[in-house]
């Protein structure tokens, strides 16, 4: 319904404050993961007519019961998608930094 809004919110923050994050954390990688997932999910929601071109724009907001379901989905599915993206990014950063540190350190005989 609107689970893509949670990673989108995080993507907005990583875009806005990305320059303040140290280079070694590769925040651009997280940014790409978040925006890519957001776009893919938004397109899927458009295809299933969960996002519509007229107000209220989210079909789940047409009634109070549907809105409550949507908020629950955002809290469970959206948050788990965000955490999965952050864990994948953290793994990528760890592996990259771990192996580049080994390569960058010259050995003495």
N, C-alpha and C. Protein backbone atom coordinates (compact mmCIF):
# COMPACT_ATOMS: atom_id res chain seq x y z
N UNK A 1 0.81 -1.19 0.00
CA UNK A 1 0.00 0.00 0.00
C UNK A 1 0.86 1.26 0.00
N UNK A 2 1.68 1.42 1.01
CA UNK A 2 2.54 2.60 1.05
C UNK A 2 3.87 2.28 1.73
N UNK A 3 4.25 1.01 1.68
CA UNK A 3 5.48 0.60 2.37
C UNK A 3 6.72 1.28 1.79
N UNK A 4 6.65 1.70 0.52
CA UNK A 4 7.79 2.37 -0.10
C UNK A 4 8.08 3.74 0.51
N UNK A 5 7.14 4.30 1.25
CA UNK A 5 7.36 5.62 1.84
C UNK A 5 8.42 5.61 2.94
N UNK A 6 8.60 4.49 3.61
CA UNK A 6 9.61 4.41 4.68
C UNK A 6 11.02 4.48 4.10
N UNK A 7 11.39 3.61 3.11
CA UNK A 7 12.72 3.78 2.52
C UNK A 7 12.88 5.10 1.78
N UNK A 8 11.78 5.64 1.24
CA UNK A 8 11.86 6.93 0.56
C UNK A 8 12.22 8.04 1.53
N UNK A 9 11.65 7.99 2.72
CA UNK A 9 11.98 8.99 3.73
C UNK A 9 13.45 8.91 4.10
N UNK A 10 13.96 7.70 4.27
CA UNK A 10 15.39 7.52 4.57
C UNK A 10 16.24 8.01 3.40
N UNK A 11 15.79 7.75 2.17
CA UNK A 11 16.54 8.20 0.99
C UNK A 11 16.59 9.72 0.91
N UNK A 12 15.52 10.38 1.30
CA UNK A 12 15.51 11.85 1.32
C UNK A 12 16.56 12.35 2.31
N UNK A 13 16.64 11.72 3.48
CA UNK A 13 17.62 12.14 4.47
C UNK A 13 19.05 11.85 4.02
N UNK A 14 19.29 10.69 3.41
CA UNK A 14 20.65 10.40 2.94
C UNK A 14 21.05 11.32 1.80
N UNK A 15 20.09 11.74 1.01
CA UNK A 15 20.39 12.69 -0.06
C UNK A 15 20.71 14.06 0.53
N UNK A 16 19.92 14.48 1.50
CA UNK A 16 20.09 15.82 2.08
C UNK A 16 21.35 15.94 2.93
N UNK A 17 21.66 14.90 3.70
CA UNK A 17 22.76 15.00 4.64
C UNK A 17 23.95 14.11 4.28
N UNK A 18 23.98 13.60 3.06
CA UNK A 18 25.04 12.70 2.64
C UNK A 18 26.43 13.30 2.66
N UNK A 19 26.54 14.58 2.42
CA UNK A 19 27.86 15.21 2.38
C UNK A 19 28.49 15.32 3.76
N UNK A 20 27.70 15.16 4.80
CA UNK A 20 28.23 15.24 6.17
C UNK A 20 28.72 13.89 6.68
N UNK A 21 28.49 12.83 5.90
CA UNK A 21 28.90 11.48 6.30
C UNK A 21 30.31 11.23 5.77
N UNK A 22 31.19 10.62 6.57
CA UNK A 22 32.56 10.35 6.11
C UNK A 22 32.59 9.51 4.83
N UNK A 23 33.56 9.79 3.99
CA UNK A 23 33.69 9.11 2.69
C UNK A 23 33.82 7.60 2.84
N UNK A 24 34.48 7.14 3.88
CA UNK A 24 34.72 5.70 4.06
C UNK A 24 33.44 4.91 4.28
N UNK A 25 32.33 5.60 4.58
CA UNK A 25 31.06 4.91 4.78
C UNK A 25 30.26 4.74 3.49
N UNK A 26 30.70 5.36 2.41
CA UNK A 26 30.08 5.20 1.08
C UNK A 26 28.56 5.38 1.15
N UNK A 27 28.14 6.50 1.65
CA UNK A 27 26.71 6.78 1.81
C UNK A 27 25.99 6.80 0.47
N UNK A 28 26.71 7.06 -0.61
CA UNK A 28 26.09 7.04 -1.94
C UNK A 28 25.57 5.65 -2.28
N UNK A 29 26.23 4.61 -1.78
CA UNK A 29 25.76 3.25 -2.01
C UNK A 29 24.40 3.04 -1.35
N UNK A 30 24.29 3.48 -0.11
CA UNK A 30 23.01 3.37 0.59
C UNK A 30 21.95 4.20 -0.12
N UNK A 31 22.33 5.37 -0.55
CA UNK A 31 21.41 6.24 -1.26
C UNK A 31 20.87 5.55 -2.52
N UNK A 32 21.75 4.91 -3.28
CA UNK A 32 21.31 4.22 -4.50
C UNK A 32 20.40 3.03 -4.17
N UNK A 33 20.74 2.28 -3.12
CA UNK A 33 19.88 1.17 -2.71
C UNK A 33 18.48 1.67 -2.34
N UNK A 34 18.44 2.72 -1.56
CA UNK A 34 17.16 3.24 -1.09
C UNK A 34 16.32 3.82 -2.23
N UNK A 35 16.94 4.66 -3.07
CA UNK A 35 16.17 5.26 -4.16
C UNK A 35 15.76 4.21 -5.18
N UNK A 36 16.64 3.25 -5.47
CA UNK A 36 16.28 2.19 -6.42
C UNK A 36 15.10 1.37 -5.93
N UNK A 37 15.14 0.99 -4.66
CA UNK A 37 14.01 0.25 -4.09
C UNK A 37 12.74 1.06 -4.07
N UNK A 38 12.86 2.33 -3.77
CA UNK A 38 11.69 3.21 -3.73
C UNK A 38 11.04 3.32 -5.11
N UNK A 39 11.84 3.53 -6.12
CA UNK A 39 11.30 3.66 -7.49
C UNK A 39 10.67 2.36 -7.93
N UNK A 40 11.34 1.23 -7.68
CA UNK A 40 10.79 -0.07 -8.09
C UNK A 40 9.46 -0.34 -7.39
N UNK A 41 9.41 -0.07 -6.10
CA UNK A 41 8.16 -0.30 -5.37
C UNK A 41 7.06 0.66 -5.78
N UNK A 42 7.41 1.90 -6.03
CA UNK A 42 6.40 2.87 -6.47
C UNK A 42 5.80 2.44 -7.82
N UNK A 43 6.65 1.97 -8.73
CA UNK A 43 6.13 1.49 -10.02
C UNK A 43 5.23 0.28 -9.85
N UNK A 44 5.61 -0.61 -8.94
CA UNK A 44 4.78 -1.78 -8.67
C UNK A 44 3.44 -1.36 -8.09
N UNK A 45 3.46 -0.37 -7.21
CA UNK A 45 2.21 0.11 -6.60
C UNK A 45 1.33 0.82 -7.64
N UNK A 46 1.94 1.52 -8.58
CA UNK A 46 1.17 2.14 -9.67
C UNK A 46 0.53 1.05 -10.53
N UNK A 47 1.29 0.00 -10.84
CA UNK A 47 0.77 -1.09 -11.67
C UNK A 47 -0.42 -1.79 -11.01
N UNK A 48 -0.41 -1.86 -9.70
CA UNK A 48 -1.50 -2.52 -8.98
C UNK A 48 -2.57 -1.52 -8.51
N UNK A 49 -2.49 -0.31 -9.03
CA UNK A 49 -3.46 0.76 -8.75
C UNK A 49 -3.60 1.08 -7.27
N UNK A 50 -2.50 0.95 -6.55
CA UNK A 50 -2.48 1.38 -5.16
C UNK A 50 -2.08 2.85 -5.05
N UNK A 51 -1.43 3.35 -6.09
CA UNK A 51 -1.16 4.79 -6.24
C UNK A 51 -1.98 5.24 -7.44
N UNK A 52 -2.79 6.26 -7.24
CA UNK A 52 -3.69 6.73 -8.29
C UNK A 52 -3.42 8.21 -8.57
N UNK A 53 -3.76 8.68 -9.78
CA UNK A 53 -3.45 10.07 -10.13
C UNK A 53 -4.46 11.11 -9.63
N UNK A 54 -5.30 10.75 -8.71
CA UNK A 54 -6.29 11.68 -8.17
C UNK A 54 -6.29 11.57 -6.64
N UNK A 55 -6.71 12.63 -5.95
CA UNK A 55 -6.69 12.60 -4.48
C UNK A 55 -7.55 11.46 -3.94
N UNK A 56 -7.12 10.83 -2.93
CA UNK A 56 -6.02 11.05 -2.00
C UNK A 56 -4.70 10.42 -2.45
N UNK A 57 -4.58 10.01 -3.71
CA UNK A 57 -3.36 9.49 -4.35
C UNK A 57 -2.96 8.09 -3.89
N UNK A 58 -3.22 7.74 -2.66
CA UNK A 58 -3.02 6.37 -2.19
C UNK A 58 -4.39 5.76 -2.00
N UNK A 59 -4.66 4.67 -2.69
CA UNK A 59 -6.00 4.07 -2.60
C UNK A 59 -6.29 3.59 -1.19
N UNK A 60 -5.26 3.35 -0.39
CA UNK A 60 -5.45 2.89 0.99
C UNK A 60 -5.95 3.99 1.91
N UNK A 61 -5.98 5.21 1.44
CA UNK A 61 -6.44 6.31 2.28
C UNK A 61 -7.91 6.66 2.02
N UNK A 62 -8.61 5.80 1.31
CA UNK A 62 -10.00 6.10 0.99
C UNK A 62 -10.94 5.90 2.18
N UNK A 63 -10.52 5.09 3.14
CA UNK A 63 -11.34 4.92 4.35
C UNK A 63 -10.43 4.84 5.57
N UNK A 64 -10.99 5.05 6.74
CA UNK A 64 -10.20 5.02 7.98
C UNK A 64 -9.64 3.63 8.24
N UNK A 65 -10.40 2.61 7.94
CA UNK A 65 -9.92 1.23 8.17
C UNK A 65 -8.74 0.92 7.26
N UNK A 66 -8.84 1.34 6.00
CA UNK A 66 -7.73 1.12 5.07
C UNK A 66 -6.49 1.92 5.47
N UNK A 67 -6.69 3.11 5.99
CA UNK A 67 -5.56 3.93 6.44
C UNK A 67 -4.85 3.28 7.61
N UNK A 68 -5.59 2.71 8.53
CA UNK A 68 -4.97 2.01 9.65
C UNK A 68 -4.17 0.80 9.16
N UNK A 69 -4.70 0.08 8.19
CA UNK A 69 -3.98 -1.05 7.61
C UNK A 69 -2.70 -0.57 6.92
N UNK A 70 -2.82 0.54 6.21
CA UNK A 70 -1.65 1.11 5.51
C UNK A 70 -0.56 1.51 6.50
N UNK A 71 -0.94 2.15 7.59
CA UNK A 71 0.06 2.55 8.58
C UNK A 71 0.72 1.34 9.23
N UNK A 72 -0.05 0.29 9.45
CA UNK A 72 0.53 -0.94 9.98
C UNK A 72 1.50 -1.57 9.00
N UNK A 73 1.16 -1.54 7.72
CA UNK A 73 2.05 -2.08 6.70
C UNK A 73 3.34 -1.25 6.61
N UNK A 74 3.20 0.07 6.72
CA UNK A 74 4.39 0.92 6.69
C UNK A 74 5.30 0.59 7.88
N UNK A 75 4.70 0.35 9.05
CA UNK A 75 5.48 0.08 10.25
C UNK A 75 6.17 -1.29 10.18
N UNK A 76 5.54 -2.26 9.57
CA UNK A 76 6.13 -3.60 9.54
C UNK A 76 6.94 -3.84 8.27
N UNK A 77 6.29 -3.80 7.13
CA UNK A 77 6.95 -4.11 5.86
C UNK A 77 7.95 -3.02 5.48
N UNK A 78 7.53 -1.77 5.56
CA UNK A 78 8.42 -0.67 5.19
C UNK A 78 9.66 -0.61 6.05
N UNK A 79 9.49 -0.78 7.35
CA UNK A 79 10.65 -0.75 8.25
C UNK A 79 11.56 -1.94 8.01
N UNK A 80 11.00 -3.11 7.77
CA UNK A 80 11.86 -4.27 7.50
C UNK A 80 12.60 -4.12 6.18
N UNK A 81 11.98 -3.50 5.19
CA UNK A 81 12.67 -3.24 3.92
C UNK A 81 13.81 -2.25 4.13
N UNK A 82 13.57 -1.23 4.94
CA UNK A 82 14.61 -0.26 5.23
C UNK A 82 15.77 -0.93 5.97
N UNK A 83 15.46 -1.73 6.96
CA UNK A 83 16.52 -2.42 7.71
C UNK A 83 17.30 -3.39 6.83
N UNK A 84 16.61 -4.08 5.93
CA UNK A 84 17.31 -4.98 5.01
C UNK A 84 18.27 -4.20 4.11
N UNK A 85 17.83 -3.05 3.61
CA UNK A 85 18.70 -2.23 2.77
C UNK A 85 19.92 -1.73 3.54
N UNK A 86 19.70 -1.31 4.78
CA UNK A 86 20.81 -0.82 5.60
C UNK A 86 21.78 -1.95 5.92
N UNK A 87 21.27 -3.15 6.19
CA UNK A 87 22.15 -4.29 6.47
C UNK A 87 22.97 -4.68 5.25
N UNK A 88 22.36 -4.67 4.07
CA UNK A 88 23.10 -4.96 2.84
C UNK A 88 24.18 -3.91 2.62
N UNK A 89 23.83 -2.65 2.81
CA UNK A 89 24.81 -1.56 2.66
C UNK A 89 25.95 -1.72 3.68
N UNK A 90 25.62 -2.01 4.92
CA UNK A 90 26.66 -2.17 5.95
C UNK A 90 27.59 -3.33 5.60
N UNK A 91 27.02 -4.41 5.09
CA UNK A 91 27.85 -5.52 4.65
C UNK A 91 28.76 -5.15 3.50
N UNK A 92 28.22 -4.40 2.55
CA UNK A 92 29.04 -3.96 1.42
C UNK A 92 30.19 -3.07 1.89
N UNK A 93 29.90 -2.14 2.77
CA UNK A 93 30.92 -1.23 3.28
C UNK A 93 31.98 -2.00 4.07
N UNK A 94 31.54 -2.94 4.90
CA UNK A 94 32.49 -3.72 5.69
C UNK A 94 33.42 -4.52 4.78
N UNK A 95 32.85 -5.24 3.82
CA UNK A 95 33.67 -6.06 2.93
C UNK A 95 34.62 -5.18 2.13
N UNK A 96 34.11 -4.08 1.58
CA UNK A 96 34.96 -3.19 0.79
C UNK A 96 36.11 -2.62 1.62
N UNK A 97 35.79 -2.09 2.78
CA UNK A 97 36.83 -1.50 3.63
C UNK A 97 37.80 -2.57 4.15
N UNK A 98 37.31 -3.75 4.44
CA UNK A 98 38.16 -4.82 4.95
C UNK A 98 39.19 -5.25 3.89
N UNK A 99 38.73 -5.45 2.65
CA UNK A 99 39.63 -5.92 1.62
C UNK A 99 40.52 -4.81 1.04
N UNK A 100 40.04 -3.58 1.01
CA UNK A 100 40.92 -2.52 0.51
C UNK A 100 41.99 -2.17 1.54
N UNK A 101 41.69 -2.34 2.82
CA UNK A 101 42.71 -2.12 3.85
C UNK A 101 43.82 -3.15 3.73
N UNK A 102 43.47 -4.40 3.44
CA UNK A 102 44.48 -5.44 3.29
C UNK A 102 45.35 -5.19 2.07
N UNK A 103 44.73 -4.72 0.98
CA UNK A 103 45.48 -4.46 -0.24
C UNK A 103 46.36 -3.22 -0.08
N UNK A 104 45.90 -2.23 0.63
CA UNK A 104 46.60 -0.95 0.73
C UNK A 104 47.82 -1.03 1.64
N UNK A 105 47.90 -2.00 2.53
CA UNK A 105 49.01 -2.08 3.46
C UNK A 105 50.14 -2.88 2.83
N UNK A 106 51.29 -2.21 2.52
CA UNK A 106 52.41 -2.94 1.90
C UNK A 106 53.10 -3.80 2.94
N UNK A 107 53.55 -4.94 2.50
CA UNK A 107 54.26 -5.85 3.40
C UNK A 107 55.75 -5.57 3.32
N UNK A 108 56.39 -5.63 4.46
CA UNK A 108 57.85 -5.46 4.49
C UNK A 108 58.50 -6.81 4.68
N UNK A 109 59.61 -7.01 4.01
CA UNK A 109 60.29 -8.31 4.05
C UNK A 109 61.23 -8.45 5.21
